[in-house]
N, C-alpha and C. Protein backbone atom coordinates (compact mmCIF):
# COMPACT_ATOMS: atom_id res chain seq x y z
N UNK A 1 40.57 -42.83 -26.55
CA UNK A 1 41.38 -42.03 -27.40
C UNK A 1 41.13 -42.28 -28.89
N UNK A 2 40.87 -43.56 -29.24
CA UNK A 2 40.63 -43.93 -30.62
C UNK A 2 39.32 -43.28 -31.10
N UNK A 3 38.34 -43.18 -30.18
CA UNK A 3 37.07 -42.54 -30.57
C UNK A 3 37.23 -41.08 -30.87
N UNK A 4 38.14 -40.42 -30.14
CA UNK A 4 38.37 -38.98 -30.34
C UNK A 4 39.10 -38.76 -31.67
N UNK A 5 40.02 -39.60 -31.93
CA UNK A 5 40.75 -39.48 -33.30
C UNK A 5 39.76 -39.74 -34.41
N UNK A 6 38.91 -40.71 -34.25
CA UNK A 6 37.94 -41.02 -35.30
C UNK A 6 36.96 -39.86 -35.50
N UNK A 7 36.49 -39.28 -34.37
CA UNK A 7 35.60 -38.11 -34.47
C UNK A 7 36.23 -36.94 -35.13
N UNK A 8 37.49 -36.67 -34.78
CA UNK A 8 38.21 -35.55 -35.39
C UNK A 8 38.40 -35.83 -36.89
N UNK A 9 38.74 -37.06 -37.25
CA UNK A 9 38.92 -37.37 -38.69
C UNK A 9 37.58 -37.22 -39.44
N UNK A 10 36.52 -37.67 -38.87
CA UNK A 10 35.19 -37.50 -39.58
C UNK A 10 34.89 -36.02 -39.74
N UNK A 11 35.06 -35.23 -38.77
CA UNK A 11 34.75 -33.75 -38.86
C UNK A 11 35.67 -33.16 -39.90
N UNK A 12 36.98 -33.50 -40.00
CA UNK A 12 37.87 -32.90 -40.96
C UNK A 12 37.46 -33.38 -42.41
N UNK A 13 37.14 -34.64 -42.55
CA UNK A 13 36.72 -35.07 -43.89
C UNK A 13 35.40 -34.36 -44.33
N UNK A 14 34.48 -34.21 -43.40
CA UNK A 14 33.22 -33.53 -43.69
C UNK A 14 33.52 -32.06 -44.03
N UNK A 15 34.47 -31.43 -43.32
CA UNK A 15 34.80 -30.03 -43.63
C UNK A 15 35.46 -29.88 -45.06
N UNK A 16 36.34 -30.79 -45.35
CA UNK A 16 36.96 -30.76 -46.69
C UNK A 16 35.94 -30.97 -47.75
N UNK A 17 34.99 -31.89 -47.53
CA UNK A 17 33.91 -32.12 -48.55
C UNK A 17 33.12 -30.82 -48.71
N UNK A 18 32.75 -30.17 -47.61
CA UNK A 18 31.93 -28.93 -47.69
C UNK A 18 32.72 -27.84 -48.46
N UNK A 19 33.95 -27.67 -48.12
CA UNK A 19 34.77 -26.59 -48.75
C UNK A 19 34.95 -26.86 -50.25
N UNK A 20 35.19 -28.12 -50.61
CA UNK A 20 35.30 -28.47 -52.03
C UNK A 20 33.97 -28.25 -52.73
N UNK A 21 32.89 -28.62 -52.09
CA UNK A 21 31.53 -28.41 -52.69
C UNK A 21 31.28 -26.91 -52.89
N UNK A 22 31.64 -26.12 -51.91
CA UNK A 22 31.43 -24.68 -51.99
C UNK A 22 32.27 -24.12 -53.17
N UNK A 23 33.50 -24.55 -53.25
CA UNK A 23 34.38 -24.06 -54.36
C UNK A 23 33.92 -24.46 -55.72
N UNK A 24 33.35 -25.63 -55.83
CA UNK A 24 32.88 -26.12 -57.18
C UNK A 24 31.46 -25.72 -57.57
N UNK A 25 30.72 -25.21 -56.60
CA UNK A 25 29.30 -24.87 -56.89
C UNK A 25 29.19 -23.68 -57.87
N UNK A 26 28.31 -23.84 -58.79
CA UNK A 26 28.11 -22.74 -59.79
C UNK A 26 27.42 -21.58 -59.07
N UNK A 27 26.51 -21.87 -58.23
CA UNK A 27 25.83 -20.85 -57.45
C UNK A 27 25.35 -21.45 -56.11
N UNK A 28 25.28 -20.60 -55.13
CA UNK A 28 24.78 -21.00 -53.79
C UNK A 28 23.65 -20.09 -53.35
N UNK A 29 22.88 -20.49 -52.41
CA UNK A 29 21.77 -19.66 -51.92
C UNK A 29 22.12 -18.82 -50.72
N UNK A 30 21.41 -17.77 -50.59
CA UNK A 30 21.40 -16.91 -49.41
C UNK A 30 22.68 -16.08 -49.19
N UNK A 31 23.86 -16.66 -49.30
CA UNK A 31 25.15 -15.89 -49.09
C UNK A 31 26.09 -16.22 -50.29
N UNK A 32 27.19 -15.46 -50.33
CA UNK A 32 28.16 -15.79 -51.36
C UNK A 32 29.07 -16.92 -50.89
N UNK A 33 29.86 -17.48 -51.83
CA UNK A 33 30.73 -18.62 -51.54
C UNK A 33 31.72 -18.31 -50.46
N UNK A 34 32.31 -17.14 -50.46
CA UNK A 34 33.35 -16.80 -49.50
C UNK A 34 32.77 -16.77 -48.10
N UNK A 35 31.56 -16.26 -47.97
CA UNK A 35 30.99 -16.21 -46.64
C UNK A 35 30.60 -17.57 -46.14
N UNK A 36 30.06 -18.48 -47.05
CA UNK A 36 29.78 -19.85 -46.66
C UNK A 36 31.09 -20.56 -46.23
N UNK A 37 32.16 -20.33 -46.93
CA UNK A 37 33.41 -21.00 -46.58
C UNK A 37 33.91 -20.51 -45.22
N UNK A 38 33.80 -19.22 -44.95
CA UNK A 38 34.21 -18.67 -43.69
C UNK A 38 33.37 -19.25 -42.54
N UNK A 39 32.08 -19.24 -42.74
CA UNK A 39 31.18 -19.79 -41.70
C UNK A 39 31.50 -21.22 -41.47
N UNK A 40 31.76 -21.97 -42.55
CA UNK A 40 32.06 -23.37 -42.43
C UNK A 40 33.31 -23.62 -41.66
N UNK A 41 34.34 -22.81 -41.88
CA UNK A 41 35.58 -22.99 -41.21
C UNK A 41 35.56 -22.53 -39.73
N UNK A 42 34.81 -21.47 -39.42
CA UNK A 42 34.80 -20.94 -38.11
C UNK A 42 33.94 -21.80 -37.15
N UNK A 43 32.85 -22.36 -37.63
CA UNK A 43 31.91 -23.06 -36.79
C UNK A 43 31.84 -24.56 -37.15
N UNK A 44 32.97 -25.24 -36.95
CA UNK A 44 33.01 -26.66 -37.24
C UNK A 44 32.06 -27.41 -36.34
N UNK A 45 31.35 -28.45 -36.73
CA UNK A 45 30.92 -28.80 -38.05
C UNK A 45 29.56 -28.10 -38.40
N UNK A 46 29.09 -27.21 -37.53
CA UNK A 46 27.82 -26.57 -37.73
C UNK A 46 27.75 -25.81 -39.00
N UNK A 47 28.83 -25.14 -39.37
CA UNK A 47 28.93 -24.35 -40.65
C UNK A 47 28.62 -25.20 -41.90
N UNK A 48 29.26 -26.35 -41.93
CA UNK A 48 29.00 -27.25 -43.04
C UNK A 48 27.56 -27.78 -43.06
N UNK A 49 27.04 -28.03 -41.91
CA UNK A 49 25.61 -28.51 -41.87
C UNK A 49 24.72 -27.37 -42.31
N UNK A 50 24.98 -26.14 -41.90
CA UNK A 50 24.19 -25.03 -42.32
C UNK A 50 24.28 -24.82 -43.84
N UNK A 51 25.54 -24.89 -44.35
CA UNK A 51 25.67 -24.83 -45.81
C UNK A 51 24.90 -25.83 -46.59
N UNK A 52 25.00 -27.08 -46.14
CA UNK A 52 24.28 -28.15 -46.89
C UNK A 52 22.78 -27.98 -46.76
N UNK A 53 22.28 -27.50 -45.65
CA UNK A 53 20.85 -27.39 -45.50
C UNK A 53 20.28 -26.08 -46.01
N UNK A 54 21.04 -24.99 -45.95
CA UNK A 54 20.52 -23.67 -46.36
C UNK A 54 21.15 -23.11 -47.62
N UNK A 55 22.43 -23.40 -47.91
CA UNK A 55 23.12 -22.76 -48.97
C UNK A 55 23.31 -23.54 -50.26
N UNK A 56 23.34 -24.84 -50.17
CA UNK A 56 23.60 -25.66 -51.33
C UNK A 56 22.32 -25.72 -52.22
N UNK A 57 22.51 -25.63 -53.50
CA UNK A 57 21.39 -25.82 -54.43
C UNK A 57 21.45 -27.29 -54.79
N UNK A 58 20.43 -28.03 -54.37
CA UNK A 58 20.32 -29.43 -54.66
C UNK A 58 19.55 -29.64 -55.95
N UNK A 59 19.99 -30.57 -56.73
CA UNK A 59 19.25 -30.89 -57.91
C UNK A 59 18.08 -31.80 -57.54
N UNK A 60 16.92 -31.58 -58.15
CA UNK A 60 15.75 -32.34 -57.80
C UNK A 60 15.04 -32.81 -59.08
N UNK A 61 14.28 -33.81 -58.90
CA UNK A 61 13.48 -34.31 -60.02
C UNK A 61 14.16 -35.48 -60.74
N UNK A 62 13.43 -36.08 -61.62
CA UNK A 62 13.95 -37.24 -62.33
C UNK A 62 15.00 -36.85 -63.30
N UNK A 63 14.98 -35.69 -63.91
CA UNK A 63 15.96 -35.25 -64.86
C UNK A 63 17.31 -35.07 -64.19
N UNK A 64 17.32 -34.65 -62.97
CA UNK A 64 18.56 -34.41 -62.25
C UNK A 64 19.31 -35.71 -62.03
N UNK A 65 18.56 -36.82 -61.82
CA UNK A 65 19.23 -38.06 -61.50
C UNK A 65 19.96 -38.66 -62.73
N UNK A 66 19.54 -38.16 -63.93
CA UNK A 66 20.18 -38.62 -65.15
C UNK A 66 21.39 -37.86 -65.53
N UNK A 67 21.59 -36.77 -64.87
CA UNK A 67 22.77 -35.88 -65.16
C UNK A 67 24.02 -36.33 -64.53
């Protein structure tokens, strides 16, 4: 039972992180923010994983680590 509660808590924290990141993002790739949020909510936790791998614009390079 404890493992189930822990798993649900981890998924919920991950979902909140993804939704906050979508809301704060200046721009996202492939789809608009509302669509990413909807996909993320409907397909827990796959939607968040898809957003982080396909939709999020990651900063890269040495200059990005200084920002």
